PDB file of N, CA and C in Angstrom:
ATOM      1  N   UNK A   1     111.107  83.968 181.927  1.00  0.00           N
ATOM      2  CA  UNK A   1     110.048  84.892 181.035  1.00  0.00           C
ATOM      3  C   UNK A   1     110.334  84.261 179.574  1.00  0.00           C
ATOM      4  N   UNK A   2     109.364  84.153 178.683  1.00  0.00           N
ATOM      5  CA  UNK A   2     109.749  83.869 177.580  1.00  0.00           C
ATOM      6  C   UNK A   2     110.025  85.170 176.770  1.00  0.00           C
ATOM      7  N   UNK A   3     110.780  84.946 175.845  1.00  0.00           N
ATOM      8  CA  UNK A   3     111.239  86.102 174.899  1.00  0.00           C
ATOM      9  C   UNK A   3     111.408  85.910 173.548  1.00  0.00           C
ATOM     10  N   UNK A   4     111.009  86.531 172.779  1.00  0.00           N
ATOM     11  CA  UNK A   4     111.073  86.454 171.218  1.00  0.00           C
ATOM     12  C   UNK A   4     111.856  87.735 170.717  1.00  0.00           C
ATOM     13  N   UNK A   5     112.896  87.683 169.993  1.00  0.00           N
ATOM     14  CA  UNK A   5     113.489  89.196 169.762  1.00  0.00           C
ATOM     15  C   UNK A   5     113.395  88.891 168.212  1.00  0.00           C
ATOM     16  N   UNK A   6     112.775  89.868 167.424  1.00  0.00           N
ATOM     17  CA  UNK A   6     112.829  89.728 165.898  1.00  0.00           C
ATOM     18  C   UNK A   6     113.302  91.267 165.285  1.00  0.00           C
ATOM     19  N   UNK A   7     113.894  91.118 164.025  1.00  0.00           N
ATOM     20  CA  UNK A   7     114.433  92.042 163.360  1.00  0.00           C
ATOM     21  C   UNK A   7     114.037  91.993 162.012  1.00  0.00           C
ATOM     22  N   UNK A   8     113.511  93.121 161.528  1.00  0.00           N
ATOM     23  CA  UNK A   8     112.872  92.809 159.731  1.00  0.00           C
ATOM     24  C   UNK A   8     112.205  91.802 159.833  1.00  0.00           C
ATOM     25  N   UNK A   9     111.162  91.151 160.808  1.00  0.00           N
ATOM     26  CA  UNK A   9     110.212  90.313 160.593  1.00  0.00           C
ATOM     27  C   UNK A   9     110.611  89.120 160.692  1.00  0.00           C
ATOM     28  N   UNK A  10     112.030  89.024 161.149  1.00  0.00           N
ATOM     29  CA  UNK A  10     112.773  87.741 161.182  1.00  0.00           C
ATOM     30  C   UNK A  10     113.185  87.200 162.990  1.00  0.00           C
ATOM     31  N   UNK A  11     113.127  86.175 163.256  1.00  0.00           N
ATOM     32  CA  UNK A  11     113.438  85.790 164.766  1.00  0.00           C
ATOM     33  C   UNK A  11     114.645  85.558 164.765  1.00  0.00           C
ATOM     34  N   UNK A  12     115.288  86.523 165.738  1.00  0.00           N
ATOM     35  CA  UNK A  12     117.083  86.555 165.713  1.00  0.00           C
ATOM     36  C   UNK A  12     117.213  85.993 167.134  1.00  0.00           C
ATOM     37  N   UNK A  13     116.404  85.785 167.982  1.00  0.00           N
ATOM     38  CA  UNK A  13     116.590  85.091 169.191  1.00  0.00           C
ATOM     39  C   UNK A  13     115.242  84.658 169.941  1.00  0.00           C
ATOM     40  N   UNK A  14     115.022  83.326 170.647  1.00  0.00           N
ATOM     41  CA  UNK A  14     114.047  83.238 170.995  1.00  0.00           C
ATOM     42  C   UNK A  14     114.191  82.239 172.332  1.00  0.00           C
ATOM     43  N   UNK A  15     114.163  82.370 173.337  1.00  0.00           N
ATOM     44  CA  UNK A  15     114.191  81.575 174.689  1.00  0.00           C
ATOM     45  C   UNK A  15     113.569  82.138 175.810  1.00  0.00           C
ATOM     46  N   UNK A  16     114.346  81.246 176.862  1.00  0.00           N
ATOM     47  CA  UNK A  16     113.712  81.839 178.299  1.00  0.00           C
ATOM     48  C   UNK A  16     114.760  82.880 178.693  1.00  0.00           C
ATOM     49  N   UNK A  17     114.453  83.712 179.544  1.00  0.00           N
ATOM     50  CA  UNK A  17     115.454  84.503 180.298  1.00  0.00           C
ATOM     51  C   UNK A  17     114.803  84.591 181.621  1.00  0.00           C
ATOM     52  N   UNK A  18     116.064  84.030 182.184  1.00  0.00           N
ATOM     53  CA  UNK A  18     115.930  84.356 183.875  1.00  0.00           C
ATOM     54  C   UNK A  18     116.043  85.486 184.402  1.00  0.00           C
ATOM     55  N   UNK A  19     115.078  86.002 185.607  1.00  0.00           N
ATOM     56  CA  UNK A  19     115.326  87.069 186.292  1.00  0.00           C
ATOM     57  C   UNK A  19     115.903  87.253 187.594  1.00  0.00           C
ATOM     58  N   UNK A  20     116.713  87.749 187.837  1.00  0.00           N
ATOM     59  CA  UNK A  20     117.351  87.621 189.385  1.00  0.00           C
ATOM     60  C   UNK A  20     117.028  88.952 190.075  1.00  0.00           C
ATOM     61  N   UNK A  21     116.741  88.754 191.248  1.00  0.00           N
ATOM     62  CA  UNK A  21     116.899  89.989 192.254  1.00  0.00           C
ATOM     63  C   UNK A  21     118.320  90.066 192.815  1.00  0.00           C
ATOM     64  N   UNK A  22     118.802  91.178 192.636  1.00  0.00           N
ATOM     65  CA  UNK A  22     120.317  91.199 193.325  1.00  0.00           C
ATOM     66  C   UNK A  22     120.247  92.369 194.460  1.00  0.00           C
ATOM     67  N   UNK A  23     121.350  91.844 194.999  1.00  0.00           N
ATOM     68  CA  UNK A  23     121.490  92.802 196.369  1.00  0.00           C
ATOM     69  C   UNK A  23     122.974  93.537 196.513  1.00  0.00           C
ATOM     70  N   UNK A  24     123.254  94.621 196.828  1.00  0.00           N
ATOM     71  CA  UNK A  24     124.587  95.184 196.897  1.00  0.00           C
ATOM     72  C   UNK A  24     125.244  95.638 195.502  1.00  0.00           C
ATOM     73  N   UNK A  25     124.742  95.811 194.474  1.00  0.00           N
ATOM     74  CA  UNK A  25     124.804  96.539 193.393  1.00  0.00           C
ATOM     75  C   UNK A  25     124.613  97.913 193.736  1.00  0.00           C
ATOM     76  N   UNK A  26     125.354  98.992 193.389  1.00  0.00           N
ATOM     77  CA  UNK A  26     124.810 100.294 193.801  1.00  0.00           C
ATOM     78  C   UNK A  26     123.753 100.919 193.104  1.00  0.00           C
ATOM     79  N   UNK A  27     123.812 100.454 191.596  1.00  0.00           N
ATOM     80  CA  UNK A  27     122.417 100.881 190.705  1.00  0.00           C
ATOM     81  C   UNK A  27     121.262  99.817 190.540  1.00  0.00           C
ATOM     82  N   UNK A  28     121.748  98.619 190.255  1.00  0.00           N
ATOM     83  CA  UNK A  28     121.096  97.533 189.570  1.00  0.00           C
ATOM     84  C   UNK A  28     119.971  96.492 190.566  1.00  0.00           C
ATOM     85  N   UNK A  29     119.090  96.509 190.403  1.00  0.00           N
ATOM     86  CA  UNK A  29     118.188  95.671 191.305  1.00  0.00           C
ATOM     87  C   UNK A  29     117.768  94.431 190.945  1.00  0.00           C
ATOM     88  N   UNK A  30     118.277  94.313 189.532  1.00  0.00           N
ATOM     89  CA  UNK A  30     118.016  92.863 188.972  1.00  0.00           C
ATOM     90  C   UNK A  30     118.957  92.630 187.894  1.00  0.00           C
ATOM     91  N   UNK A  31     119.208  91.368 187.713  1.00  0.00           N
ATOM     92  CA  UNK A  31     119.929  90.862 186.440  1.00  0.00           C
ATOM     93  C   UNK A  31     119.019  89.916 185.571  1.00  0.00           C
ATOM     94  N   UNK A  32     119.361  89.608 184.095  1.00  0.00           N
ATOM     95  CA  UNK A  32     118.850  88.651 183.378  1.00  0.00           C
ATOM     96  C   UNK A  32     119.741  88.041 182.860  1.00  0.00           C
ATOM     97  N   UNK A  33     119.513  86.715 182.608  1.00  0.00           N
ATOM     98  CA  UNK A  33     120.318  85.800 182.231  1.00  0.00           C
ATOM     99  C   UNK A  33     119.966  84.687 181.125  1.00  0.00           C
ATOM    100  N   UNK A  34     120.560  84.429 180.304  1.00  0.00           N
ATOM    101  CA  UNK A  34     120.142  83.225 179.397  1.00  0.00           C
ATOM    102  C   UNK A  34     121.318  82.467 178.886  1.00  0.00           C
ATOM    103  N   UNK A  35     120.814  81.494 178.098  1.00  0.00           N
ATOM    104  CA  UNK A  35     122.185  80.663 177.463  1.00  0.00           C
ATOM    105  C   UNK A  35     121.680  80.251 176.177  1.00  0.00           C
ATOM    106  N   UNK A  36     122.433  80.092 175.315  1.00  0.00           N
ATOM    107  CA  UNK A  36     121.879  79.628 173.810  1.00  0.00           C
ATOM    108  C   UNK A  36     123.138  78.837 172.914  1.00  0.00           C
ATOM    109  N   UNK A  37     122.944  78.227 172.265  1.00  0.00           N
ATOM    110  CA  UNK A  37     123.860  77.363 171.521  1.00  0.00           C
ATOM    111  C   UNK A  37     124.654  78.316 170.273  1.00  0.00           C
ATOM    112  N   UNK A  38     125.477  77.840 170.047  1.00  0.00           N
ATOM    113  CA  UNK A  38     126.609  78.790 169.211  1.00  0.00           C
ATOM    114  C   UNK A  38     127.581  78.095 168.624  1.00  0.00           C
ATOM    115  N   UNK A  39     128.234  78.313 167.768  1.00  0.00           N
ATOM    116  CA  UNK A  39     129.359  77.810 167.051  1.00  0.00           C
ATOM    117  C   UNK A  39     128.985  77.181 165.832  1.00  0.00           C
ATOM    118  N   UNK A  40     130.180  76.416 165.627  1.00  0.00           N
ATOM    119  CA  UNK A  40     129.868  75.303 163.997  1.00  0.00           C
ATOM    120  C   UNK A  40     128.560  74.488 164.734  1.00  0.00           C
ATOM    121  N   UNK A  41     127.729  73.870 163.882  1.00  0.00           N
ATOM    122  CA  UNK A  41     126.680  72.882 164.300  1.00  0.00           C
ATOM    123  C   UNK A  41     126.213  73.105 165.432  1.00  0.00           C
ATOM    124  N   UNK A  42     126.098  74.343 166.190  1.00  0.00           N
ATOM    125  CA  UNK A  42     125.716  74.358 167.461  1.00  0.00           C
ATOM    126  C   UNK A  42     126.106  73.717 168.407  1.00  0.00           C
ATOM    127  N   UNK A  43     127.747  73.415 168.620  1.00  0.00           N
ATOM    128  CA  UNK A  43     128.707  72.379 169.416  1.00  0.00           C
ATOM    129  C   UNK A  43     128.636  72.941 170.878  1.00  0.00           C
ATOM    130  N   UNK A  44     128.568  74.547 170.720  1.00  0.00           N
ATOM    131  CA  UNK A  44     128.909  74.914 172.124  1.00  0.00           C
ATOM    132  C   UNK A  44     127.811  75.839 172.676  1.00  0.00           C
ATOM    133  N   UNK A  45     128.024  76.048 173.994  1.00  0.00           N
ATOM    134  CA  UNK A  45     126.853  76.986 174.518  1.00  0.00           C
ATOM    135  C   UNK A  45     127.243  78.434 174.906  1.00  0.00           C
ATOM    136  N   UNK A  46     126.668  79.399 174.899  1.00  0.00           N
ATOM    137  CA  UNK A  46     127.246  80.722 175.433  1.00  0.00           C
ATOM    138  C   UNK A  46     126.056  81.370 176.532  1.00  0.00           C
ATOM    139  N   UNK A  47     126.559  81.694 177.258  1.00  0.00           N
ATOM    140  CA  UNK A  47     125.729  82.333 178.506  1.00  0.00           C
ATOM    141  C   UNK A  47     125.999  83.612 178.689  1.00  0.00           C
ATOM    142  N   UNK A  48     124.487  84.546 178.448  1.00  0.00           N
ATOM    143  CA  UNK A  48     124.702  85.895 178.559  1.00  0.00           C
ATOM    144  C   UNK A  48     123.884  86.280 180.095  1.00  0.00           C
ATOM    145  N   UNK A  49     124.675  87.627 180.502  1.00  0.00           N
ATOM    146  CA  UNK A  49     123.873  88.189 181.714  1.00  0.00           C
ATOM    147  C   UNK A  49     123.952  89.613 181.251  1.00  0.00           C
ATOM    148  N   UNK A  50     122.989  90.437 181.916  1.00  0.00           N
ATOM    149  CA  UNK A  50     122.825  91.415 181.557  1.00  0.00           C
ATOM    150  C   UNK A  50     122.142  92.294 182.967  1.00  0.00           C
ATOM    151  N   UNK A  51     122.683  93.351 183.429  1.00  0.00           N
ATOM    152  CA  UNK A  51     122.337  94.303 184.532  1.00  0.00           C
ATOM    153  C   UNK A  51     121.072  94.963 184.106  1.00  0.00           C
ATOM    154  N   UNK A  52     119.936  95.188 185.090  1.00  0.00           N
ATOM    155  CA  UNK A  52     118.886  96.066 184.741  1.00  0.00           C
ATOM    156  C   UNK A  52     119.448  97.539 185.249  1.00  0.00           C
ATOM    157  N   UNK A  53     120.069  98.047 183.711  1.00  0.00           N
ATOM    158  CA  UNK A  53     120.685  99.606 183.930  1.00  0.00           C
ATOM    159  C   UNK A  53     119.936 100.010 182.770  1.00  0.00           C
ATOM    160  N   UNK A  54     119.621 101.282 182.833  1.00  0.00           N
ATOM    161  CA  UNK A  54     119.197 102.121 181.456  1.00  0.00           C
ATOM    162  C   UNK A  54     120.056 101.942 180.178  1.00  0.00           C
ATOM    163  N   UNK A  55     119.329 101.424 179.298  1.00  0.00           N
ATOM    164  CA  UNK A  55     118.144 101.360 178.910  1.00  0.00           C
ATOM    165  C   UNK A  55     117.102  99.952 178.897  1.00  0.00           C
ATOM    166  N   UNK A  56     118.195  99.050 179.621  1.00  0.00           N
ATOM    167  CA  UNK A  56     117.344  97.742 180.136  1.00  0.00           C
ATOM    168  C   UNK A  56     116.494  98.083 181.138  1.00  0.00           C
ATOM    169  N   UNK A  57     115.399  97.544 180.978  1.00  0.00           N
ATOM    170  CA  UNK A  57     114.210  97.593 182.291  1.00  0.00           C
ATOM    171  C   UNK A  57     113.220  96.594 182.319  1.00  0.00           C
ATOM    172  N   UNK A  58     113.565  95.526 181.317  1.00  0.00           N
ATOM    173  CA  UNK A  58     112.956  94.329 181.222  1.00  0.00           C
ATOM    174  C   UNK A  58     113.793  93.286 180.394  1.00  0.00           C
ATOM    175  N   UNK A  59     113.307  91.620 180.680  1.00  0.00           N
ATOM    176  CA  UNK A  59     114.081  90.716 180.062  1.00  0.00           C
ATOM    177  C   UNK A  59     114.166  90.900 178.522  1.00  0.00           C
ATOM    178  N   UNK A  60     112.884  91.613 177.947  1.00  0.00           N
ATOM    179  CA  UNK A  60     113.019  91.831 176.459  1.00  0.00           C
ATOM    180  C   UNK A  60     113.914  92.944 175.925  1.00  0.00           C
ATOM    181  N   UNK A  61     114.231  93.998 176.854  1.00  0.00           N
ATOM    182  CA  UNK A  61     115.096  95.041 176.158  1.00  0.00           C
ATOM    183  C   UNK A  61     116.593  94.340 176.813  1.00  0.00           C
ATOM    184  N   UNK A  62     116.583  93.580 177.481  1.00  0.00           N
ATOM    185  CA  UNK A  62     118.020  92.994 178.014  1.00  0.00           C
ATOM    186  C   UNK A  62     118.333  91.830 176.909  1.00  0.00           C
ATOM    187  N   UNK A  63     117.817  91.414 176.169  1.00  0.00           N
ATOM    188  CA  UNK A  63     118.075  90.393 174.915  1.00  0.00           C
ATOM    189  C   UNK A  63     118.276  91.379 173.799  1.00  0.00           C
ATOM    190  N   UNK A  64     117.534  92.625 173.643  1.00  0.00           N
ATOM    191  CA  UNK A  64     117.655  93.442 172.439  1.00  0.00           C
ATOM    192  C   UNK A  64     118.939  94.330 172.674  1.00  0.00           C
ATOM    193  N   UNK A  65     119.517  94.305 173.700  1.00  0.00           N
ATOM    194  CA  UNK A  65     120.509  95.353 174.040  1.00  0.00           C
ATOM    195  C   UNK A  65     121.665  94.036 173.835  1.00  0.00           C
ATOM    196  N   UNK A  66     121.583  92.889 174.156  1.00  0.00           N
ATOM    197  CA  UNK A  66     122.474  91.949 173.913  1.00  0.00           C
ATOM    198  C   UNK A  66     122.748  91.598 172.824  1.00  0.00           C
ATOM    199  N   UNK A  67     121.580  90.999 171.751  1.00  0.00           N
ATOM    200  CA  UNK A  67     121.581  90.945 170.358  1.00  0.00           C
ATOM    201  C   UNK A  67     122.576  92.082 169.497  1.00  0.00           C
ATOM    202  N   UNK A  68     122.134  93.321 169.703  1.00  0.00           N
ATOM    203  CA  UNK A  68     122.539  94.502 169.067  1.00  0.00           C
ATOM    204  C   UNK A  68     123.983  94.496 169.403  1.00  0.00           C
ATOM    205  N   UNK A  69     124.551  94.218 170.647  1.00  0.00           N
ATOM    206  CA  UNK A  69     126.148  94.278 170.806  1.00  0.00           C
ATOM    207  C   UNK A  69     127.042  93.089 170.275  1.00  0.00           C
ATOM    208  N   UNK A  70     126.133  92.102 169.997  1.00  0.00           N
ATOM    209  CA  UNK A  70     126.660  91.022 169.376  1.00  0.00           C
ATOM    210  C   UNK A  70     126.977  91.116 167.991  1.00  0.00           C
ATOM    211  N   UNK A  71     125.705  91.789 167.383  1.00  0.00           N
ATOM    212  CA  UNK A  71     125.712  92.333 165.973  1.00  0.00           C
ATOM    213  C   UNK A  71     126.828  93.353 165.813  1.00  0.00           C
ATOM    214  N   UNK A  72     126.880  94.213 166.616  1.00  0.00           N
ATOM    215  CA  UNK A  72     128.043  95.194 166.432  1.00  0.00           C
ATOM    216  C   UNK A  72     129.562  94.270 166.448  1.00  0.00           C
ATOM    217  N   UNK A  73     129.536  93.894 167.541  1.00  0.00           N
ATOM    218  CA  UNK A  73     130.904  93.242 167.530  1.00  0.00           C
ATOM    219  C   UNK A  73     131.247  92.794 166.694  1.00  0.00           C
ATOM    220  N   UNK A  74     130.448  91.597 165.785  1.00  0.00           N
ATOM    221  CA  UNK A  74     130.603  90.883 164.715  1.00  0.00           C
ATOM    222  C   UNK A  74     131.149  91.540 163.601  1.00  0.00           C
ATOM    223  N   UNK A  75     130.328  92.723 163.292  1.00  0.00           N
ATOM    224  CA  UNK A  75     130.875  93.797 162.203  1.00  0.00           C
ATOM    225  C   UNK A  75     132.026  94.148 162.618  1.00  0.00           C
ATOM    226  N   UNK A  76     132.240  94.787 163.653  1.00  0.00           N
ATOM    227  CA  UNK A  76     133.670  95.026 164.127  1.00  0.00           C
ATOM    228  C   UNK A  76     135.038  94.029 164.084  1.00  0.00           C
ATOM    229  N   UNK A  77     134.551  92.888 163.862  1.00  0.00           N
ATOM    230  CA  UNK A  77     135.409  92.191 163.731  1.00  0.00           C
ATOM    231  C   UNK A  77     135.760  91.634 162.157  1.00  0.00           C
ATOM    232  N   UNK A  78     134.649  91.929 161.269  1.00  0.00           N
ATOM    233  CA  UNK A  78     134.486  91.573 159.719  1.00  0.00           C
ATOM    234  C   UNK A  78     135.401  92.637 159.207  1.00  0.00           C
ATOM    235  N   UNK A  79     135.358  94.130 159.820  1.00  0.00           N
ATOM    236  CA  UNK A  79     135.770  95.149 159.089  1.00  0.00           C
ATOM    237  C   UNK A  79     137.641  94.913 158.962  1.00  0.00           C
ATOM    238  N   UNK A  80     138.078  94.331 159.991  1.00  0.00           N
ATOM    239  CA  UNK A  80     139.520  94.336 160.138  1.00  0.00           C
ATOM    240  C   UNK A  80     140.166  93.192 159.240  1.00  0.00           C
ATOM    241  N   UNK A  81     139.414  92.261 158.485  1.00  0.00           N
ATOM    242  CA  UNK A  81     139.915  91.501 157.664  1.00  0.00           C
ATOM    243  C   UNK A  81     139.769  91.851 156.306  1.00  0.00           C
ATOM    244  N   UNK A  82     140.933  91.048 155.715  1.00  0.00           N
ATOM    245  CA  UNK A  82     140.996  91.562 154.096  1.00  0.00           C
ATOM    246  C   UNK A  82     140.410  90.392 153.478  1.00  0.00           C
ATOM    247  N   UNK A  83     139.789  90.778 152.317  1.00  0.00           N
ATOM    248  CA  UNK A  83     139.105  89.761 151.244  1.00  0.00           C
ATOM    249  C   UNK A  83     140.230  88.944 150.982  1.00  0.00           C
TER     250      UNK A  83
END
């Protein structure tokens, strides 16, 4: 599924999200997964998977939740640094 996530009018992520039906999980029936380049000069690749658990109910909300978590983690890392 194609997904574009924007924040304040800017695209923060755009790409294809794979949707997988899963069995054996007590609550989730689906998982969402995608990969994107990262690091200096986009030399690395990062893979993300998100279970379909509230509030996640679509590929779009999976990306939204993952992007928000990534931003939160980045902010917490910079709080501990001294100038």
